[in-house]
N, C-alpha and C. Protein backbone atom coordinates (compact mmCIF):
# COMPACT_ATOMS: atom_id res chain seq x y z
N MET A 1 -72.58 -66.89 -148.54
CA MET A 1 -71.56 -67.96 -147.60
C MET A 1 -70.50 -67.97 -148.75
N ALA A 2 -69.19 -67.10 -148.03
CA ALA A 2 -68.99 -66.21 -148.94
C ALA A 2 -67.05 -67.41 -149.18
N ALA A 3 -66.07 -66.54 -150.26
CA ALA A 3 -65.98 -68.18 -150.33
C ALA A 3 -64.53 -67.51 -149.67
N GLU A 4 -63.41 -68.86 -148.62
CA GLU A 4 -62.38 -68.70 -148.42
C GLU A 4 -61.79 -67.82 -148.98
N LYS A 5 -60.72 -67.32 -148.31
CA LYS A 5 -59.50 -66.46 -149.83
C LYS A 5 -58.50 -68.10 -150.24
N GLY A 6 -58.34 -67.25 -151.30
CA GLY A 6 -57.61 -67.52 -152.83
C GLY A 6 -58.19 -69.38 -152.83
N THR A 7 -60.00 -69.28 -153.52
CA THR A 7 -61.22 -70.05 -153.40
C THR A 7 -61.29 -69.67 -154.43
N ARG A 8 -60.98 -69.76 -155.83
CA ARG A 8 -62.06 -69.56 -157.05
C ARG A 8 -63.57 -69.84 -156.54
N VAL A 9 -64.53 -69.07 -157.11
CA VAL A 9 -66.29 -69.96 -157.10
C VAL A 9 -66.75 -69.74 -158.49
N ILE A 10 -67.10 -71.49 -158.47
CA ILE A 10 -67.65 -71.66 -159.83
C ILE A 10 -69.30 -71.81 -159.69
N ARG A 11 -69.88 -70.90 -161.03
CA ARG A 11 -70.66 -71.21 -160.19
C ARG A 11 -71.46 -71.42 -162.26
N ILE A 12 -71.97 -72.84 -162.04
CA ILE A 12 -72.77 -73.52 -162.89
C ILE A 12 -74.39 -73.40 -163.07
N THR A 13 -75.40 -72.40 -164.84
CA THR A 13 -76.20 -73.14 -164.06
C THR A 13 -77.08 -73.59 -164.96
N ILE A 14 -77.57 -74.66 -164.87
CA ILE A 14 -77.96 -75.42 -166.52
C ILE A 14 -80.19 -75.44 -166.28
N LEU A 15 -79.88 -74.76 -167.39
CA LEU A 15 -81.02 -74.94 -168.17
C LEU A 15 -81.57 -75.49 -168.94
N ASP A 16 -82.80 -76.15 -168.13
CA ASP A 16 -83.22 -77.92 -169.07
C ASP A 16 -84.67 -77.23 -168.92
N VAL A 17 -85.75 -78.31 -169.18
CA VAL A 17 -87.29 -78.77 -169.07
C VAL A 17 -87.27 -79.48 -168.02
N TYR A 18 -87.24 -79.29 -166.59
CA TYR A 18 -87.31 -80.19 -165.43
C TYR A 18 -88.69 -80.06 -165.61
N PRO A 19 -89.27 -81.17 -164.76
CA PRO A 19 -90.76 -81.27 -164.02
C PRO A 19 -90.81 -80.49 -163.16
N THR A 20 -91.49 -79.47 -162.91
CA THR A 20 -91.59 -78.73 -161.06
C THR A 20 -92.52 -79.33 -160.40
N GLN A 21 -93.37 -80.30 -161.00
CA GLN A 21 -94.78 -80.80 -159.74
C GLN A 21 -94.13 -82.51 -159.20
N LEU A 22 -92.82 -82.34 -159.81
CA LEU A 22 -92.21 -84.15 -158.76
C LEU A 22 -91.40 -83.62 -157.46
N GLY A 23 -91.73 -85.06 -156.40
CA GLY A 23 -90.47 -84.19 -155.36
C GLY A 23 -89.23 -83.82 -155.04
N HIS A 24 -88.97 -83.36 -154.21
CA HIS A 24 -87.48 -82.92 -154.17
C HIS A 24 -86.64 -84.15 -154.38
N CYS A 25 -86.58 -84.58 -153.24
CA CYS A 25 -85.48 -85.32 -152.39
C CYS A 25 -85.23 -86.71 -153.47
N PRO A 26 -85.91 -86.79 -154.52
CA PRO A 26 -85.77 -88.13 -155.69
C PRO A 26 -84.72 -87.64 -156.03
N HIS A 27 -85.12 -86.81 -157.29
CA HIS A 27 -84.57 -86.38 -157.92
C HIS A 27 -82.92 -85.45 -157.71
N TYR A 28 -82.99 -84.99 -156.94
CA TYR A 28 -81.88 -83.87 -156.38
C TYR A 28 -80.92 -85.20 -156.06
N ASN A 29 -81.34 -86.07 -155.15
CA ASN A 29 -79.71 -86.90 -155.35
C ASN A 29 -79.24 -87.24 -156.14
N LEU A 30 -79.76 -87.35 -157.57
CA LEU A 30 -78.88 -87.86 -158.30
C LEU A 30 -78.30 -87.16 -158.40
N ILE A 31 -78.24 -85.75 -158.76
CA ILE A 31 -77.29 -85.01 -158.86
C ILE A 31 -75.69 -84.97 -157.84
N SER A 32 -77.00 -84.68 -156.13
CA SER A 32 -75.76 -84.39 -155.48
C SER A 32 -75.08 -85.79 -154.47
N SER A 33 -75.38 -86.89 -155.18
CA SER A 33 -75.07 -87.92 -154.95
C SER A 33 -73.62 -87.67 -155.52
N GLN A 34 -73.92 -87.42 -156.94
CA GLN A 34 -73.02 -87.18 -157.23
C GLN A 34 -71.77 -86.66 -157.08
N MET A 35 -71.95 -85.26 -156.87
CA MET A 35 -70.68 -83.89 -156.37
C MET A 35 -70.42 -84.49 -154.71
N MET A 36 -71.13 -85.50 -153.36
CA MET A 36 -70.80 -85.70 -152.58
C MET A 36 -70.70 -84.84 -151.77
N THR A 37 -72.19 -83.59 -152.08
CA THR A 37 -72.90 -82.43 -151.25
C THR A 37 -73.53 -83.33 -149.98
N ALA A 38 -72.93 -82.53 -148.93
CA ALA A 38 -73.30 -82.91 -147.64
C ALA A 38 -74.90 -83.03 -147.11
N GLY A 39 -75.69 -84.56 -147.00
CA GLY A 39 -77.23 -84.90 -146.46
C GLY A 39 -76.59 -86.25 -147.65
N SER A 40 -76.36 -85.37 -148.82
CA SER A 40 -76.47 -87.41 -150.33
C SER A 40 -76.57 -88.49 -149.70
N GLU A 41 -75.65 -88.76 -148.49
CA GLU A 41 -75.96 -89.75 -147.29
C GLU A 41 -77.87 -90.04 -147.05
N PHE A 42 -78.01 -89.12 -147.05
CA PHE A 42 -78.94 -89.53 -146.02
C PHE A 42 -80.56 -90.45 -146.96
N CYS A 43 -80.80 -89.83 -147.51
CA CYS A 43 -81.87 -90.38 -148.03
C CYS A 43 -81.65 -90.69 -149.40
N GLU A 44 -82.35 -91.83 -148.69
CA GLU A 44 -82.03 -92.51 -150.22
C GLU A 44 -83.21 -92.42 -151.76
N LEU A 45 -82.54 -92.69 -152.95
CA LEU A 45 -83.58 -92.54 -153.96
C LEU A 45 -83.86 -93.32 -154.15
N SER A 46 -85.59 -92.63 -153.60
CA SER A 46 -86.89 -93.54 -153.19
C SER A 46 -86.99 -94.77 -154.94
N SER A 47 -88.07 -95.71 -154.82
CA SER A 47 -88.55 -96.17 -156.22
C SER A 47 -89.30 -94.82 -157.05
N GLN A 48 -89.60 -94.21 -156.44
CA GLN A 48 -90.38 -92.79 -157.51
C GLN A 48 -88.60 -92.00 -159.05
N ALA A 49 -88.19 -92.24 -158.54
CA ALA A 49 -87.12 -91.85 -159.83
C ALA A 49 -87.14 -92.89 -160.79
N LEU A 50 -87.47 -94.25 -159.96
CA LEU A 50 -87.35 -95.59 -160.98
C LEU A 50 -88.71 -95.10 -162.15
N GLU A 51 -89.48 -94.52 -161.62
CA GLU A 51 -90.99 -94.46 -162.49
C GLU A 51 -91.38 -92.72 -163.50
N TYR A 52 -90.58 -92.34 -162.67
CA TYR A 52 -90.14 -91.16 -164.05
C TYR A 52 -90.03 -91.40 -165.40
N PRO A 53 -90.66 -89.93 -165.87
CA PRO A 53 -90.41 -90.28 -167.66
C PRO A 53 -89.15 -90.54 -167.56
N ASP A 54 -88.51 -91.16 -169.25
CA ASP A 54 -87.50 -90.67 -169.95
C ASP A 54 -86.13 -89.81 -169.69
N GLU A 55 -87.34 -88.67 -170.14
CA GLU A 55 -87.41 -87.50 -170.51
C GLU A 55 -86.52 -86.73 -168.87
N VAL A 56 -86.89 -87.22 -167.82
CA VAL A 56 -87.12 -86.58 -166.99
C VAL A 56 -86.03 -87.30 -167.05
N LEU A 57 -85.00 -88.24 -166.71
CA LEU A 57 -84.02 -89.01 -166.26
C LEU A 57 -83.29 -88.13 -166.91
N SER A 58 -83.75 -88.84 -167.89
CA SER A 58 -81.95 -88.01 -169.57
C SER A 58 -81.76 -86.78 -169.28
N SER A 59 -82.68 -86.09 -168.17
CA SER A 59 -82.22 -84.75 -167.54
C SER A 59 -81.45 -84.73 -166.62
N HIS A 60 -81.24 -85.22 -165.81
CA HIS A 60 -80.89 -85.31 -164.44
C HIS A 60 -79.08 -85.97 -164.96
N SER A 61 -79.30 -86.94 -165.73
CA SER A 61 -78.18 -87.47 -166.16
C SER A 61 -77.34 -86.62 -167.36
N ARG A 62 -77.72 -85.90 -167.95
CA ARG A 62 -77.02 -84.65 -168.00
C ARG A 62 -76.46 -83.77 -167.31
N ALA A 63 -76.77 -83.58 -166.34
CA ALA A 63 -77.04 -83.09 -164.90
C ALA A 63 -75.18 -83.85 -164.72
N ILE A 64 -76.02 -84.96 -164.39
CA ILE A 64 -74.11 -85.63 -163.97
C ILE A 64 -73.35 -85.82 -164.87
N LYS A 65 -73.39 -86.10 -165.86
CA LYS A 65 -72.39 -85.82 -166.46
C LYS A 65 -71.69 -84.72 -166.67
N ILE A 66 -72.47 -83.23 -167.07
CA ILE A 66 -71.35 -82.38 -167.08
C ILE A 66 -70.76 -81.69 -165.92
N LEU A 67 -71.15 -82.43 -164.43
CA LEU A 67 -70.47 -81.65 -163.39
C LEU A 67 -69.75 -83.18 -162.82
N GLU A 68 -69.75 -84.54 -163.61
CA GLU A 68 -68.66 -85.54 -163.95
C GLU A 68 -67.19 -84.54 -163.88
N ALA A 69 -67.84 -83.83 -165.78
CA ALA A 69 -65.84 -83.54 -166.05
C ALA A 69 -66.14 -81.88 -165.49
N VAL A 70 -66.53 -81.83 -164.72
CA VAL A 70 -66.48 -80.47 -164.22
C VAL A 70 -65.92 -80.69 -163.10
N ARG A 71 -65.81 -81.62 -162.56
CA ARG A 71 -64.92 -82.29 -161.20
C ARG A 71 -63.92 -82.71 -161.46
N ARG A 72 -63.64 -83.17 -162.57
CA ARG A 72 -62.18 -83.73 -162.95
C ARG A 72 -61.89 -82.44 -163.08
N GLU A 73 -62.11 -81.58 -164.01
CA GLU A 73 -61.28 -80.59 -163.94
C GLU A 73 -60.96 -79.20 -162.99
N VAL A 74 -61.23 -79.03 -161.40
CA VAL A 74 -61.32 -78.42 -160.78
C VAL A 74 -61.05 -79.91 -159.80
N GLN A 75 -60.80 -80.92 -159.70
CA GLN A 75 -59.74 -81.87 -158.68
C GLN A 75 -59.00 -81.62 -157.65
N GLY A 76 -58.58 -81.26 -156.90
CA GLY A 76 -57.59 -81.28 -156.06
C GLY A 76 -57.52 -80.01 -156.28
N LEU A 77 -58.39 -79.13 -156.38
CA LEU A 77 -57.52 -77.25 -156.75
C LEU A 77 -58.60 -77.31 -155.78
N PRO A 78 -58.18 -75.07 -155.34
CA PRO A 78 -58.99 -74.72 -154.12
C PRO A 78 -60.67 -74.44 -154.61
N VAL A 79 -61.17 -74.75 -155.63
CA VAL A 79 -62.17 -73.88 -155.74
C VAL A 79 -63.70 -74.58 -155.47
N ARG A 80 -64.66 -73.75 -155.44
CA ARG A 80 -65.66 -74.25 -155.18
C ARG A 80 -66.94 -74.73 -156.25
N VAL A 81 -67.31 -75.34 -156.90
CA VAL A 81 -68.00 -74.89 -157.82
C VAL A 81 -69.94 -74.99 -157.22
N GLU A 82 -70.83 -74.29 -157.28
CA GLU A 82 -71.76 -73.92 -156.71
C GLU A 82 -73.17 -74.20 -159.28
N VAL A 83 -73.78 -74.78 -158.39
CA VAL A 83 -74.32 -75.50 -159.62
C VAL A 83 -75.95 -75.29 -158.77
N GLU A 84 -76.78 -74.58 -160.25
CA GLU A 84 -78.23 -75.19 -159.85
C GLU A 84 -79.02 -75.22 -161.41
N MET A 85 -80.04 -75.95 -160.87
CA MET A 85 -80.41 -76.09 -161.40
C MET A 85 -82.00 -75.43 -162.46
N VAL A 86 -81.69 -75.04 -163.52
CA VAL A 86 -82.82 -74.20 -163.70
C VAL A 86 -84.03 -74.25 -164.20
N GLU A 87 -85.19 -74.40 -163.61
CA GLU A 87 -86.08 -75.19 -165.01
C GLU A 87 -86.90 -74.08 -165.76
N LEU A 88 -86.22 -74.57 -167.28
CA LEU A 88 -86.92 -73.61 -168.79
C LEU A 88 -87.90 -72.46 -168.37
N LEU A 89 -89.13 -73.70 -167.85
CA LEU A 89 -90.86 -72.76 -168.00
C LEU A 89 -90.95 -71.90 -166.81
N SER A 90 -90.24 -71.98 -165.87
CA SER A 90 -90.78 -71.05 -164.05
C SER A 90 -89.83 -69.44 -164.74
N PRO A 91 -90.73 -69.01 -163.89
CA PRO A 91 -90.48 -67.46 -164.59
C PRO A 91 -88.40 -67.42 -163.68
N LYS A 92 -87.35 -67.85 -163.37
CA LYS A 92 -86.39 -67.37 -163.63
C LYS A 92 -86.12 -68.26 -165.38
N GLY A 93 -86.31 -69.38 -165.67
CA GLY A 93 -85.91 -69.72 -166.14
C GLY A 93 -86.59 -68.46 -167.84
N PHE A 94 -87.64 -68.46 -167.63
CA PHE A 94 -87.75 -67.52 -168.89
C PHE A 94 -86.62 -66.04 -168.64
N ILE A 95 -86.90 -65.25 -167.60
CA ILE A 95 -86.09 -64.33 -167.25
C ILE A 95 -84.52 -64.25 -167.56
N SER A 96 -84.46 -66.00 -167.56
CA SER A 96 -82.16 -66.43 -167.69
C SER A 96 -82.78 -66.04 -169.39
N SER A 97 -82.78 -67.01 -170.16
CA SER A 97 -83.77 -67.65 -171.37
C SER A 97 -83.93 -66.02 -172.36
N LEU A 98 -83.78 -65.66 -171.37
CA LEU A 98 -84.54 -63.77 -172.32
C LEU A 98 -83.38 -62.68 -172.47
N ARG A 99 -81.89 -62.60 -170.92
CA ARG A 99 -81.61 -62.53 -170.18
C ARG A 99 -80.07 -63.20 -171.33
N HIS A 100 -79.85 -64.19 -172.09
CA HIS A 100 -79.29 -65.10 -172.36
C HIS A 100 -78.54 -65.15 -174.11
N ARG A 101 -80.39 -64.75 -174.46
CA ARG A 101 -81.12 -64.69 -175.19
C ARG A 101 -81.02 -66.72 -175.87
N ILE A 102 -81.37 -67.27 -175.40
CA ILE A 102 -81.24 -68.48 -175.02
C ILE A 102 -83.12 -69.39 -176.15
N ARG A 103 -82.25 -70.48 -177.02
CA ARG A 103 -83.28 -70.37 -177.64
C ARG A 103 -84.12 -71.49 -178.07
N SER A 104 -82.91 -72.27 -177.26
CA SER A 104 -83.62 -74.01 -177.74
C SER A 104 -83.42 -74.05 -176.14
N ASN A 105 -83.56 -75.62 -176.27
CA ASN A 105 -84.47 -76.12 -174.74
C ASN A 105 -83.12 -76.50 -173.62
N PHE A 106 -82.64 -76.12 -174.06
CA PHE A 106 -80.90 -76.87 -172.87
C PHE A 106 -80.11 -76.26 -173.13
N ALA A 107 -79.63 -75.43 -171.86
CA ALA A 107 -77.90 -74.46 -171.92
C ALA A 107 -77.44 -75.21 -170.56
N VAL A 108 -76.40 -74.19 -171.11
CA VAL A 108 -75.39 -74.28 -169.44
C VAL A 108 -74.57 -72.93 -169.65
N LEU A 109 -74.35 -72.42 -168.43
CA LEU A 109 -73.81 -70.83 -168.01
C LEU A 109 -72.54 -71.41 -166.73
N VAL A 110 -72.00 -70.84 -166.99
CA VAL A 110 -70.70 -70.12 -166.08
C VAL A 110 -70.47 -69.06 -166.38
N ASN A 111 -70.55 -68.85 -164.65
CA ASN A 111 -70.30 -67.86 -164.25
C ASN A 111 -71.23 -66.60 -164.57
N GLY A 112 -72.21 -66.95 -165.67
CA GLY A 112 -73.12 -66.18 -166.19
C GLY A 112 -72.96 -66.22 -167.11
N LYS A 113 -72.23 -66.79 -168.46
CA LYS A 113 -71.91 -66.10 -169.79
C LYS A 113 -72.18 -67.85 -169.65
N LYS A 114 -72.95 -67.47 -170.73
CA LYS A 114 -73.72 -68.70 -171.98
C LYS A 114 -72.54 -69.43 -172.81
N VAL A 115 -71.41 -70.72 -171.83
CA VAL A 115 -70.89 -71.58 -173.00
C VAL A 115 -71.78 -72.73 -173.97
N TYR A 116 -73.16 -73.17 -174.09
CA TYR A 116 -73.10 -74.26 -174.27
C TYR A 116 -75.25 -73.29 -174.89
N GLU A 117 -75.48 -73.51 -175.74
CA GLU A 117 -76.71 -73.28 -176.81
C GLU A 117 -77.51 -74.81 -176.90
N GLY A 118 -78.43 -75.81 -177.48
CA GLY A 118 -78.95 -76.29 -178.22
C GLY A 118 -79.09 -77.70 -177.77
N LYS A 119 -78.99 -78.78 -178.07
CA LYS A 119 -78.74 -80.22 -178.83
C LYS A 119 -77.77 -81.04 -177.75
N PRO A 120 -78.00 -81.11 -176.89
CA PRO A 120 -77.20 -82.35 -175.98
C PRO A 120 -76.99 -83.37 -176.13
N ASP A 121 -76.07 -83.00 -177.11
CA ASP A 121 -74.66 -84.08 -177.63
C ASP A 121 -74.48 -85.08 -176.31
N ASP A 122 -74.38 -86.00 -177.05
CA ASP A 122 -73.15 -87.22 -175.65
C ASP A 122 -72.29 -86.53 -175.50
N GLY A 123 -71.50 -86.32 -174.97
CA GLY A 123 -70.06 -85.92 -175.14
C GLY A 123 -70.09 -84.62 -175.36
N GLN A 124 -70.57 -83.83 -176.65
CA GLN A 124 -70.18 -82.27 -176.14
C GLN A 124 -70.68 -81.10 -175.50
N VAL A 125 -71.25 -81.69 -174.57
CA VAL A 125 -71.78 -80.85 -173.86
C VAL A 125 -70.68 -80.73 -172.41
N GLU A 126 -70.10 -81.94 -171.96
CA GLU A 126 -69.39 -82.18 -170.89
C GLU A 126 -67.74 -81.34 -171.66
N GLU A 127 -67.45 -81.43 -172.52
CA GLU A 127 -66.07 -82.06 -172.95
C GLU A 127 -65.77 -79.98 -173.08
N THR A 128 -67.18 -78.84 -173.92
CA THR A 128 -67.54 -77.47 -173.51
C THR A 128 -67.52 -76.76 -172.82
N VAL A 129 -68.11 -77.47 -172.23
CA VAL A 129 -68.07 -76.73 -170.58
C VAL A 129 -66.86 -76.82 -170.25
N ALA A 130 -66.65 -78.58 -169.44
CA ALA A 130 -64.65 -78.70 -169.25
C ALA A 130 -64.22 -77.66 -169.23
N SER A 131 -63.50 -77.75 -170.74
CA SER A 131 -62.92 -76.86 -171.82
C SER A 131 -62.27 -74.92 -170.82
N TYR A 132 -64.68 -74.79 -171.15
CA TYR A 132 -64.45 -73.45 -170.40
C TYR A 132 -63.87 -73.14 -169.35
N VAL A 133 -63.92 -74.32 -168.13
CA VAL A 133 -63.69 -74.13 -166.96
C VAL A 133 -62.52 -74.52 -166.27
N LYS A 134 -61.43 -75.07 -167.39
CA LYS A 134 -60.41 -75.50 -167.31
C LYS A 134 -59.49 -74.15 -167.88
N GLU A 135 -60.90 -72.82 -169.07
CA GLU A 135 -59.80 -71.80 -169.33
C GLU A 135 -59.29 -70.97 -167.91
N LEU A 136 -61.44 -70.87 -167.05
CA LEU A 136 -61.10 -69.41 -165.84
C LEU A 136 -60.19 -70.47 -164.78
N LEU A 137 -59.86 -72.10 -164.78
CA LEU A 137 -59.12 -71.57 -163.93
C LEU A 137 -57.37 -71.44 -163.90
N ASN A 138 -57.34 -71.11 -165.49
CA ASN A 138 -56.49 -71.47 -166.67
C ASN A 138 -55.69 -69.66 -166.14
N SER A 139 -57.30 -68.75 -166.25
CA SER A 139 -57.16 -67.15 -166.32
C SER A 139 -56.99 -66.03 -164.93
N PRO A 140 -55.63 -65.54 -164.28
CA PRO A 140 -55.67 -64.47 -163.25
C PRO A 140 -57.30 -64.55 -162.75
N PRO A 141 -57.38 -64.32 -161.29
CA PRO A 141 -58.46 -64.22 -160.63
C PRO A 141 -58.83 -62.63 -161.21
N ARG A 142 -60.41 -62.95 -161.21
CA ARG A 142 -59.95 -61.08 -161.67
C ARG A 142 -60.39 -60.75 -160.17
């Protein structure tokens, strides 16, 4: 999908340890409902999400907090944010960890640049990513 003229595209990749054996819909909607994506209103969170391990819920909670911080920065601006959650233990996650020299269980890339890596401390990740997005928005488009 091509960006409309004048619309900036920001690609956020969140690399974390996500369980790949879980179903798509419930944990996807934890994220999509926050970003108000199409279709999220038609599929309610199932009770299965309540049975997820705490680490899974905290991974998705981290992603939601990051996306909320980014949404506050881009609100009202002609910006399209594309979000990808990548399992670090998958082939794509492994290649990304080599390419970006990621040595921890958590990292965030914005437009292909590593902007955060390490222990996802409360508030620090969101602040770092949001400030980088703000810098991108204030810089002239390439």
